[in-house]
Amino acid sequence: MQASENETARTFGRIIFASDFSEAAQAAFPVALRVCTAFKASLSILHVFEYPKAIASERRGQILELDSLKKVALISLERLRTTAKQEGVTCETTMSTGIPSLTILKALSHNKYDLVILGTSDPHGFERIVFGSTAETVLREASCPVLTVGPHVTDQAMQDECKSPVLFATDFDHTTTHAIRYAGVFCKATQSPLHCLHVLPETLESGTPSQIVPQIMTEALHHVAIEKSSADPPAIYSVTYGNDVAKAISEYARQHRAWLIVLGIQRASILASHVPDHIAYRIITESPCSVLTIAYASKLHPHQATCL
C-alpha cells in the first residue's frame, strides 16, 4: 500500500481474503473471519486457479483432469462461504485464472477493498533468497493494508484479542510512524490494549546511558502515540534491546501474547530488499501472531532507505 502521511486510517468495511487452500491459507481463514466480525465487514474470498502455461498442447484426459480440479476448488470455495455465513459474515467467492500475485493485485485495483488478508508459509532455499512468494509480492504492491498470517501463528493468538495487545513497532522514521493510526483502529474495534515498541542496539543495554536512552525512547513513543493516533486505548510504551530487530520484535510479541503486530514500512525499502533477512518479511515469517503492514512512499533513495 502506498499510503499518504496525511491520510487518516481507513476503517475496514470490505475485506478480501486470498486462498489457495494450502495449510497457510487454512490457518489464515479463522483470522479473516474474526477481523470481519470485529469490524462488521463483508468478506470476498478469491481463489486463483493456475492452468498450465501449455494448456493448448495438453491431451484431452489431462484437460478433463484440470476441469475436475477446478470443480474441487469451487466446492472448497463454497465450503468457506458456508462457514463464513455460519459465523455471521456476509461473504462472496470468486475464482479466477492466472498468476496468483498479479490476479490478487488486479482484484485490488478494480475493487475498493480496505484490507487484504493472506496466509504465507515459511520459505526455504531458493524461494527464500529471491522472495518469490505471492504474499511478498502483494505486500509490496497492494493498494491497501495487508494482514499476513505467518507460519507460526496459532488460532489461540486470536482467541483473546480483548486481553491480548496490538503491538505497534517503530524505528521512529517520520514516514512510517503514521501506521500507529491503524494500530489504534484495530484497538478500538477489538478493545485491545496498545503496546508501542522500539528496539535499541544491545550495546546500549549497559553503561552510563543505559537508563537515560530508554527513558528518552519511551517518551518519544508516547509522543508518537499522542501525535499520530486518533485512538486512545490503554497504552504501554516499551523499549527492548537486540541487534536482530526482527527477532526482538517477535520475541516481545511472544512474551506479551500479542495477537497483531502493526508495521509501517517504506515502499522503497521493500523494492530494494530482495535479500533473505529483509526485516519486515522476517517478522511476518517468525512472529507468533499476524502482521499488518502499511507501506509508505520513501523520501530517501532506495539504497538509503531503512525500515523495521
Protein backbone atom coordinates (compact mmCIF):
# COMPACT_ATOMS: atom_id res chain seq x y z
CA MET A 1 0.00 0.00 0.00
CA GLN A 2 1.33 3.42 -0.92
CA ALA A 3 -0.22 5.34 1.94
CA SER A 4 -0.04 9.07 2.48
CA GLU A 5 1.39 10.54 5.63
CA ASN A 6 -1.58 12.91 5.87
CA GLU A 7 -4.39 10.43 5.32
CA THR A 8 -6.48 9.15 8.19
CA ALA A 9 -6.53 5.44 8.89
CA ARG A 10 -9.34 3.84 6.95
CA THR A 11 -11.94 1.62 8.53
CA PHE A 12 -12.23 -1.91 7.23
CA GLY A 13 -15.67 -2.41 5.71
CA ARG A 14 -14.69 -4.55 2.72
CA ILE A 15 -12.08 -7.24 3.19
CA ILE A 16 -10.64 -9.67 0.64
CA PHE A 17 -9.12 -13.00 1.62
CA ALA A 18 -6.95 -14.77 -0.93
CA SER A 19 -6.86 -18.54 -0.51
CA ASP A 20 -5.00 -21.29 -2.34
CA PHE A 21 -6.45 -23.90 0.06
CA SER A 22 -2.97 -24.59 1.45
CA GLU A 23 -2.23 -25.11 5.14
CA ALA A 24 -1.16 -21.46 5.32
CA ALA A 25 -4.49 -20.33 3.88
CA GLN A 26 -6.41 -22.62 6.23
CA ALA A 27 -4.63 -21.02 9.18
CA ALA A 28 -5.43 -17.53 7.89
CA PHE A 29 -9.16 -18.09 7.32
CA PRO A 30 -10.21 -18.01 11.02
CA VAL A 31 -8.23 -14.78 11.37
CA ALA A 32 -10.10 -13.31 8.40
CA LEU A 33 -13.44 -14.24 9.97
CA ARG A 34 -12.55 -12.71 13.32
CA VAL A 35 -11.36 -9.49 11.72
CA CYS A 36 -14.57 -9.28 9.68
CA THR A 37 -16.61 -9.85 12.83
CA ALA A 38 -14.71 -7.17 14.74
CA PHE A 39 -15.25 -4.57 12.02
CA LYS A 40 -18.67 -5.84 10.88
CA ALA A 41 -17.10 -6.12 7.44
CA SER A 42 -18.07 -8.08 4.36
CA LEU A 43 -15.66 -10.71 3.05
CA SER A 44 -14.68 -11.57 -0.50
CA ILE A 45 -12.80 -14.85 -0.93
CA LEU A 46 -10.60 -15.12 -4.00
CA HIS A 47 -9.01 -18.29 -5.33
CA VAL A 48 -6.66 -18.16 -8.29
CA PHE A 49 -6.71 -21.34 -10.36
CA GLU A 50 -3.40 -21.83 -12.17
CA TYR A 51 -3.73 -23.56 -15.53
CA PRO A 52 -0.51 -24.91 -17.08
CA LYS A 53 1.09 -22.47 -19.50
CA ALA A 54 0.96 -25.00 -22.29
CA ILE A 55 -2.72 -25.82 -21.90
CA ALA A 56 -3.21 -25.92 -25.68
CA SER A 57 -0.86 -28.87 -26.00
CA GLU A 58 -2.40 -30.93 -23.21
CA ARG A 59 -4.13 -34.17 -24.07
CA ARG A 60 -7.87 -34.40 -23.57
CA GLY A 61 -7.51 -36.59 -20.50
CA GLN A 62 -5.28 -34.06 -18.81
CA ILE A 63 -7.68 -31.24 -19.66
CA LEU A 64 -10.51 -33.22 -18.09
CA GLU A 65 -8.35 -33.67 -15.01
CA LEU A 66 -7.87 -29.90 -14.81
CA ASP A 67 -11.62 -29.42 -15.08
CA SER A 68 -12.05 -31.85 -12.22
CA LEU A 69 -9.56 -29.89 -10.10
CA LYS A 70 -11.45 -26.72 -10.91
CA LYS A 71 -14.69 -28.28 -9.66
CA VAL A 72 -12.95 -29.31 -6.44
CA ALA A 73 -11.76 -25.72 -6.00
CA LEU A 74 -15.31 -24.42 -6.46
CA ILE A 75 -16.55 -26.86 -3.83
CA SER A 76 -13.82 -25.69 -1.44
CA LEU A 77 -14.81 -22.07 -2.02
CA GLU A 78 -18.43 -22.88 -1.26
CA ARG A 79 -17.40 -24.55 2.00
CA LEU A 80 -15.54 -21.41 3.03
CA ARG A 81 -18.56 -19.27 2.12
CA THR A 82 -20.83 -21.51 4.18
CA THR A 83 -18.50 -21.31 7.17
CA ALA A 84 -18.39 -17.52 6.91
CA LYS A 85 -22.19 -17.37 6.75
CA GLN A 86 -22.43 -19.53 9.87
CA GLU A 87 -20.17 -17.02 11.63
CA GLY A 88 -22.48 -14.18 10.59
CA VAL A 89 -20.11 -12.76 7.98
CA THR A 90 -21.51 -11.60 4.64
CA CYS A 91 -19.40 -13.40 2.06
CA GLU A 92 -18.93 -13.79 -1.67
CA THR A 93 -16.50 -16.02 -3.53
CA THR A 94 -14.62 -15.65 -6.80
CA MET A 95 -12.36 -17.97 -8.76
CA SER A 96 -10.03 -16.50 -11.35
CA THR A 97 -7.33 -17.92 -13.61
CA GLY A 98 -3.79 -16.58 -13.80
CA ILE A 99 -0.70 -15.84 -11.76
CA PRO A 100 -1.85 -15.55 -8.12
CA SER A 101 0.03 -12.39 -7.14
CA LEU A 102 -0.94 -10.49 -10.30
CA THR A 103 -4.54 -11.64 -10.11
CA ILE A 104 -4.84 -10.55 -6.49
CA LEU A 105 -3.35 -7.15 -7.29
CA LYS A 106 -5.74 -6.78 -10.23
CA ALA A 107 -8.69 -7.53 -7.95
CA LEU A 108 -7.46 -4.89 -5.52
CA SER A 109 -7.13 -2.29 -8.28
CA HIS A 110 -10.61 -2.97 -9.67
CA ASN A 111 -12.41 -3.04 -6.32
CA LYS A 112 -12.30 -0.73 -3.34
CA TYR A 113 -11.16 -3.20 -0.72
CA ASP A 114 -9.97 -1.82 2.60
CA LEU A 115 -7.82 -4.76 3.63
CA VAL A 116 -6.32 -7.89 2.10
CA ILE A 117 -5.63 -10.97 4.24
CA LEU A 118 -3.15 -13.66 3.23
CA GLY A 119 -1.52 -16.72 4.66
CA THR A 120 2.13 -17.47 3.97
CA SER A 121 4.38 -20.44 4.63
CA ASP A 122 7.97 -20.39 5.80
CA PRO A 123 10.12 -20.03 2.64
CA HIS A 124 13.17 -22.20 2.19
CA GLY A 125 16.14 -22.43 -0.14
CA PHE A 126 15.99 -20.58 -3.43
CA GLU A 127 12.45 -19.30 -2.77
CA ARG A 128 13.70 -17.59 0.38
CA ILE A 129 16.61 -15.98 -1.48
CA VAL A 130 14.57 -14.45 -4.28
CA PHE A 131 11.46 -13.71 -2.17
CA GLY A 132 9.25 -15.21 -4.83
CA SER A 133 6.18 -15.80 -2.71
CA THR A 134 2.74 -14.46 -3.54
CA ALA A 135 2.47 -12.88 -0.10
CA GLU A 136 5.67 -10.86 -0.50
CA THR A 137 4.63 -9.55 -3.92
CA VAL A 138 1.22 -8.47 -2.64
CA LEU A 139 2.86 -6.99 0.46
CA ARG A 140 4.86 -4.50 -1.58
CA GLU A 141 2.35 -3.76 -4.34
CA ALA A 142 -1.08 -3.78 -2.69
CA SER A 143 -3.22 -0.64 -2.81
CA CYS A 144 -4.47 -1.24 0.75
CA PRO A 145 -3.05 -2.51 4.06
CA VAL A 146 -2.04 -6.17 4.10
CA LEU A 147 -2.64 -8.51 7.03
CA THR A 148 -0.41 -11.56 6.71
CA VAL A 149 -0.78 -14.71 8.79
CA GLY A 150 2.64 -16.31 9.04
CA PRO A 151 3.60 -19.97 9.54
CA HIS A 152 3.96 -19.71 13.33
CA VAL A 153 0.57 -18.13 14.06
CA THR A 154 -1.82 -20.34 16.01
CA ASP A 155 -5.57 -19.99 16.33
CA GLN A 156 -5.03 -19.22 20.00
CA ALA A 157 -3.41 -15.92 19.01
CA MET A 158 -6.84 -14.54 18.08
CA GLN A 159 -8.89 -16.16 20.84
CA ASP A 160 -8.42 -13.47 23.48
CA GLU A 161 -7.85 -10.33 21.42
CA CYS A 162 -9.69 -8.25 24.04
CA LYS A 163 -6.95 -9.13 26.53
CA SER A 164 -4.05 -9.54 24.13
CA PRO A 165 -2.33 -6.40 22.86
CA VAL A 166 -1.87 -4.90 19.44
CA LEU A 167 1.86 -4.26 19.09
CA PHE A 168 3.00 -1.21 17.12
CA ALA A 169 6.74 -1.45 16.42
CA THR A 170 8.58 1.58 15.09
CA ASP A 171 12.05 2.90 14.30
CA PHE A 172 10.74 6.50 14.58
CA ASP A 173 11.09 7.17 10.87
CA HIS A 174 8.88 10.19 10.15
CA THR A 175 7.36 8.46 7.13
CA THR A 176 6.23 5.26 8.81
CA THR A 177 5.15 6.36 12.30
CA HIS A 178 1.74 7.21 10.85
CA ALA A 179 0.97 3.48 10.83
CA ILE A 180 0.10 3.81 14.52
CA ARG A 181 -3.26 5.14 13.35
CA TYR A 182 -4.08 1.67 12.05
CA ALA A 183 -2.99 0.13 15.32
CA GLY A 184 -5.46 2.46 17.01
CA VAL A 185 -8.25 1.42 14.65
CA PHE A 186 -7.71 -2.26 15.49
CA CYS A 187 -7.51 -1.49 19.21
CA LYS A 188 -10.84 0.32 19.10
CA ALA A 189 -12.56 -2.44 17.13
CA THR A 190 -11.33 -5.25 19.38
CA GLN A 191 -10.98 -3.38 22.69
CA SER A 192 -7.35 -4.46 22.74
CA PRO A 193 -4.61 -2.67 24.69
CA LEU A 194 -1.90 -0.95 22.66
CA HIS A 195 1.81 -1.63 23.08
CA CYS A 196 4.31 0.68 21.37
CA LEU A 197 7.80 -0.76 20.96
CA HIS A 198 11.22 0.43 19.85
CA VAL A 199 14.29 -1.80 19.59
CA LEU A 200 17.65 -0.42 20.72
CA PRO A 201 21.07 -1.97 19.96
CA GLU A 202 22.42 -4.32 22.61
CA THR A 203 25.46 -2.06 23.04
CA LEU A 204 23.20 0.46 24.81
CA GLU A 205 21.91 -2.05 27.34
CA SER A 206 24.86 -1.47 29.67
CA GLY A 207 26.88 1.56 30.58
CA THR A 208 26.06 5.12 31.63
CA PRO A 209 23.32 5.78 29.02
CA SER A 210 21.53 2.54 29.92
CA GLN A 211 18.82 4.36 31.86
CA ILE A 212 18.75 7.69 30.04
CA VAL A 213 18.32 6.37 26.48
CA PRO A 214 15.38 4.04 27.23
CA GLN A 215 13.65 6.88 29.08
CA ILE A 216 14.08 9.18 26.09
CA MET A 217 12.83 6.49 23.70
CA THR A 218 9.85 5.73 25.90
CA GLU A 219 8.91 9.40 25.97
CA ALA A 220 9.32 9.52 22.20
CA LEU A 221 6.95 6.56 21.80
CA HIS A 222 4.41 8.33 23.97
CA HIS A 223 4.76 11.46 21.84
CA VAL A 224 4.24 9.49 18.62
CA ALA A 225 1.12 7.84 20.02
CA ILE A 226 -0.40 11.17 21.04
CA GLU A 227 0.54 13.00 17.85
CA LYS A 228 -0.26 10.34 15.25
CA SER A 229 -3.11 8.27 16.67
CA SER A 230 -6.74 9.27 16.93
CA ALA A 231 -7.40 6.33 19.24
CA ASP A 232 -7.00 6.44 23.00
CA PRO A 233 -6.59 2.82 24.12
CA PRO A 234 -4.63 1.99 27.26
CA ALA A 235 -1.05 2.11 26.01
CA ILE A 236 2.21 0.63 27.20
CA TYR A 237 5.43 2.18 25.89
CA SER A 238 8.35 -0.22 25.86
CA VAL A 239 11.97 -0.37 24.81
CA THR A 240 13.78 -3.65 24.25
CA TYR A 241 17.30 -4.50 23.16
CA GLY A 242 18.59 -6.61 20.32
CA ASN A 243 20.90 -6.48 17.33
CA ASP A 244 18.42 -8.66 15.44
CA VAL A 245 15.40 -6.36 15.22
CA ALA A 246 13.04 -8.95 13.73
CA LYS A 247 13.87 -11.45 16.45
CA ALA A 248 13.48 -8.83 19.19
CA ILE A 249 10.04 -7.76 17.96
CA SER A 250 8.86 -11.35 17.51
CA GLU A 251 10.09 -12.28 20.98
CA TYR A 252 8.34 -9.29 22.56
CA ALA A 253 5.11 -10.28 20.80
CA ARG A 254 5.52 -13.82 22.11
CA GLN A 255 6.21 -12.76 25.69
CA HIS A 256 3.24 -10.39 25.81
CA ARG A 257 0.94 -12.67 23.79
CA ALA A 258 0.19 -10.02 21.18
CA TRP A 259 -2.39 -11.03 18.60
CA LEU A 260 -1.34 -8.46 15.99
CA ILE A 261 1.84 -6.58 15.05
CA VAL A 262 1.47 -3.33 13.10
CA LEU A 263 4.39 -2.14 10.96
CA GLY A 264 4.82 0.99 8.91
CA ILE A 265 7.31 0.26 6.15
CA GLN A 266 8.91 2.31 3.40
CA ARG A 267 7.99 1.19 -0.07
CA ALA A 268 11.49 1.86 -1.41
CA SER A 269 12.89 -0.42 1.27
CA ILE A 270 10.73 -3.31 0.14
CA LEU A 271 11.63 -2.87 -3.51
CA ALA A 272 15.32 -2.74 -2.63
CA SER A 273 15.26 -5.59 -0.14
CA HIS A 274 15.44 -8.77 -2.18
CA VAL A 275 17.64 -10.34 0.47
CA PRO A 276 16.80 -13.16 2.87
CA ASP A 277 16.86 -11.09 6.05
CA HIS A 278 14.55 -8.26 4.99
CA ILE A 279 13.27 -7.29 8.43
CA ALA A 280 9.56 -6.81 7.76
CA TYR A 281 9.27 -10.12 5.94
CA ARG A 282 11.23 -11.92 8.65
CA ILE A 283 8.86 -10.55 11.29
CA ILE A 284 5.95 -11.98 9.31
CA THR A 285 7.51 -15.43 8.95
CA GLU A 286 8.85 -15.64 12.53
CA SER A 287 6.17 -13.99 14.67
CA PRO A 288 3.61 -15.89 16.75
CA CYS A 289 0.85 -13.52 15.60
CA SER A 290 -0.48 -11.90 12.44
CA VAL A 291 1.27 -8.83 10.99
CA LEU A 292 -0.41 -5.78 9.46
CA THR A 293 1.82 -3.81 7.09
CA ILE A 294 1.18 -0.33 5.73
CA ALA A 295 3.70 0.83 3.12
CA TYR A 296 4.55 4.49 2.66
CA ALA A 297 6.46 6.17 -0.16
CA SER A 298 10.04 6.78 0.92
CA LYS A 299 11.62 10.19 0.58
CA LEU A 300 15.05 8.57 0.50
CA HIS A 301 16.93 6.88 -2.29
CA PRO A 302 16.19 3.14 -2.14
CA HIS A 303 19.73 2.20 -1.05
CA GLN A 304 19.49 4.69 1.82
CA ALA A 305 16.04 3.71 2.97
CA THR A 306 15.60 1.91 6.25
CA CYS A 307 12.65 0.05 7.61
CA LEU A 308 11.68 -2.01 10.56
